[in-house]
Amino acid sequence: MSSIQQQAYDYTATPYPAWLFSTSLLVTSWLPKSEIPQQAVSPGRFSLFKFKTKPVSALPTKASCLLFGATVGFGGFMIYDNDLVNGSGFVSAWSILYSLVNARKGVWSLRLWPKVLVGQALFTGLFYGQRFFWADNKRPALKLN
């Protein structure tokens, strides 16, 4: 392994990236919901097609932010409690799951903050995934009877 890869792998022993992502999600749940105005998504008055549209929020839902924020924070606590492999797998799985659930809304919204959250989720998932999926040789191998 090169020195940069080894240094990045050593940083996965700290819970701080997971806690940063968790804090970002928990703060997002308190942000006021900004919706796109009804006039921007509805057809004109004289359109042949009248669609029933509802305002669309650019931010993830409050329940999504609270659920993913709490679980990623718990995974960070697992890493803090020296359960590196399981905590890294837990944080990696939930971060990638967040990016799968919220990527479309985050990427196609016109706001910066949802894009930052999806980027943080992908970074955190890949960052901790390297410890879980490509662990060093010191990790005990699974032994079957």
Protein backbone atom coordinates (compact mmCIF):
# COMPACT_ATOMS: atom_id res chain seq x y z
CA MET A 1 0.00 0.00 0.00
CA SER A 2 1.23 3.49 -0.73
CA SER A 3 1.72 5.92 2.10
CA ILE A 4 -1.40 7.96 1.19
CA GLN A 5 -3.57 4.84 1.12
CA GLN A 6 -2.11 3.67 4.42
CA GLN A 7 -2.69 7.08 5.97
CA ALA A 8 -6.32 7.13 4.76
CA TYR A 9 -6.78 3.61 6.10
CA ASP A 10 -5.41 4.69 9.49
CA TYR A 11 -7.90 7.59 9.62
CA THR A 12 -10.77 5.10 9.49
CA ALA A 13 -9.98 4.32 13.13
CA THR A 14 -11.44 7.72 14.10
CA PRO A 15 -15.19 8.38 14.36
CA TYR A 16 -14.98 12.03 13.30
CA PRO A 17 -16.05 11.71 9.62
CA ALA A 18 -19.06 9.64 10.70
CA TRP A 19 -19.97 12.15 13.39
CA LEU A 20 -19.61 15.04 10.92
CA PHE A 21 -22.06 13.36 8.53
CA SER A 22 -24.39 12.50 11.41
CA THR A 23 -24.34 16.08 12.68
CA SER A 24 -25.02 17.39 9.18
CA LEU A 25 -28.09 15.19 8.91
CA LEU A 26 -29.39 16.07 12.36
CA VAL A 27 -28.96 19.80 11.68
CA THR A 28 -30.79 19.37 8.36
CA SER A 29 -33.82 18.03 10.19
CA TRP A 30 -34.13 21.41 11.97
CA LEU A 31 -33.82 23.53 8.84
CA PRO A 32 -37.05 25.12 7.63
CA LYS A 33 -38.56 23.34 4.67
CA SER A 34 -38.24 25.48 1.56
CA GLU A 35 -40.62 24.45 -1.15
CA ILE A 36 -40.71 25.24 -4.83
CA PRO A 37 -43.62 27.63 -5.51
CA GLN A 38 -46.78 26.14 -6.98
CA GLN A 39 -46.60 28.43 -10.04
CA ALA A 40 -43.19 27.02 -10.98
CA VAL A 41 -44.42 23.43 -11.23
CA SER A 42 -47.95 23.85 -12.53
CA PRO A 43 -48.92 24.40 -16.17
CA GLY A 44 -50.34 27.75 -17.22
CA ARG A 45 -53.96 28.81 -16.85
CA PHE A 46 -54.77 28.07 -20.47
CA SER A 47 -53.14 24.66 -20.71
CA LEU A 48 -55.06 21.69 -22.13
CA PHE A 49 -53.62 19.45 -19.45
CA LYS A 50 -54.40 20.30 -15.84
CA PHE A 51 -52.11 18.34 -13.56
CA LYS A 52 -52.54 18.16 -9.84
CA THR A 53 -49.14 19.13 -8.53
CA LYS A 54 -47.89 19.66 -5.04
CA PRO A 55 -44.89 21.63 -3.85
CA VAL A 56 -41.64 19.69 -3.83
CA SER A 57 -39.02 20.10 -1.12
CA ALA A 58 -35.33 20.09 -2.02
CA LEU A 59 -34.25 18.75 1.37
CA PRO A 60 -34.64 15.15 2.52
CA THR A 61 -37.55 14.44 4.84
CA LYS A 62 -37.23 15.07 8.55
CA ALA A 63 -37.75 11.37 9.33
CA SER A 64 -35.01 10.39 6.88
CA CYS A 65 -32.56 12.87 8.39
CA LEU A 66 -33.29 11.77 11.95
CA LEU A 67 -33.11 8.04 11.15
CA PHE A 68 -29.91 8.14 9.13
CA GLY A 69 -28.30 10.74 11.40
CA ALA A 70 -28.94 8.67 14.53
CA THR A 71 -27.72 5.41 12.99
CA VAL A 72 -24.54 6.91 11.53
CA GLY A 73 -23.89 8.60 14.87
CA PHE A 74 -24.32 5.23 16.60
CA GLY A 75 -21.87 3.69 14.14
CA GLY A 76 -19.40 6.44 15.00
CA PHE A 77 -19.82 5.54 18.66
CA MET A 78 -19.06 1.90 17.78
CA ILE A 79 -15.79 3.06 16.20
CA TYR A 80 -15.09 5.27 19.22
CA ASP A 81 -15.65 2.22 21.45
CA ASN A 82 -12.84 0.38 19.54
CA ASP A 83 -15.10 -1.90 17.50
CA LEU A 84 -13.44 -0.73 14.30
CA VAL A 85 -14.47 -3.39 11.82
CA ASN A 86 -18.14 -3.64 12.81
CA GLY A 87 -18.49 0.11 13.28
CA SER A 88 -16.91 0.77 9.89
CA GLY A 89 -19.23 -1.72 8.22
CA PHE A 90 -22.26 -0.23 9.98
CA VAL A 91 -21.37 3.35 9.00
CA SER A 92 -20.49 2.31 5.47
CA ALA A 93 -23.75 0.42 4.92
CA TRP A 94 -25.99 3.17 6.31
CA SER A 95 -24.13 5.93 4.46
CA ILE A 96 -24.41 4.16 1.13
CA LEU A 97 -28.06 3.40 1.87
CA TYR A 98 -28.65 7.12 2.50
CA SER A 99 -27.08 7.96 -0.83
CA LEU A 100 -29.27 5.39 -2.60
CA VAL A 101 -32.44 6.74 -0.98
CA ASN A 102 -31.74 10.45 -1.44
CA ALA A 103 -29.40 10.69 -4.44
CA ARG A 104 -32.00 11.48 -7.08
CA LYS A 105 -33.63 14.25 -5.10
CA GLY A 106 -30.26 15.62 -3.99
CA VAL A 107 -28.59 15.64 -7.38
CA TRP A 108 -31.51 17.08 -9.34
CA SER A 109 -32.42 19.78 -6.83
CA LEU A 110 -31.19 23.28 -7.48
CA ARG A 111 -29.85 23.66 -3.94
CA LEU A 112 -26.30 23.04 -2.77
CA TRP A 113 -26.99 21.49 0.65
CA PRO A 114 -28.67 18.26 -0.62
CA LYS A 115 -25.70 17.74 -2.96
CA VAL A 116 -23.31 18.22 -0.02
CA LEU A 117 -25.23 15.61 2.00
CA VAL A 118 -25.13 13.04 -0.81
CA GLY A 119 -21.41 13.74 -1.33
CA GLN A 120 -20.77 13.30 2.39
CA ALA A 121 -22.71 10.04 2.35
CA LEU A 122 -20.70 8.64 -0.55
CA PHE A 123 -17.40 9.78 0.93
CA THR A 124 -18.24 8.35 4.36
CA GLY A 125 -19.46 5.07 2.86
CA LEU A 126 -16.36 4.56 0.76
CA PHE A 127 -14.02 5.88 3.45
CA TYR A 128 -15.19 3.41 6.10
CA GLY A 129 -15.90 0.70 3.54
CA GLN A 130 -12.20 0.32 2.86
CA ARG A 131 -11.67 -0.88 6.44
CA PHE A 132 -14.61 -3.25 6.35
CA PHE A 133 -14.29 -4.72 2.86
CA TRP A 134 -10.53 -4.50 2.33
CA ALA A 135 -9.33 -5.11 5.87
CA ASP A 136 -5.69 -5.69 6.71
CA ASN A 137 -4.21 -9.11 7.37
CA LYS A 138 -4.52 -8.66 11.13
CA ARG A 139 -8.26 -9.25 10.94
CA PRO A 140 -9.11 -12.83 11.88
CA ALA A 141 -10.51 -14.86 9.04
CA LEU A 142 -13.97 -16.39 9.27
CA LYS A 143 -13.61 -20.02 10.26
CA LEU A 144 -16.28 -22.52 9.37
CA ASN A 145 -16.66 -25.76 11.32
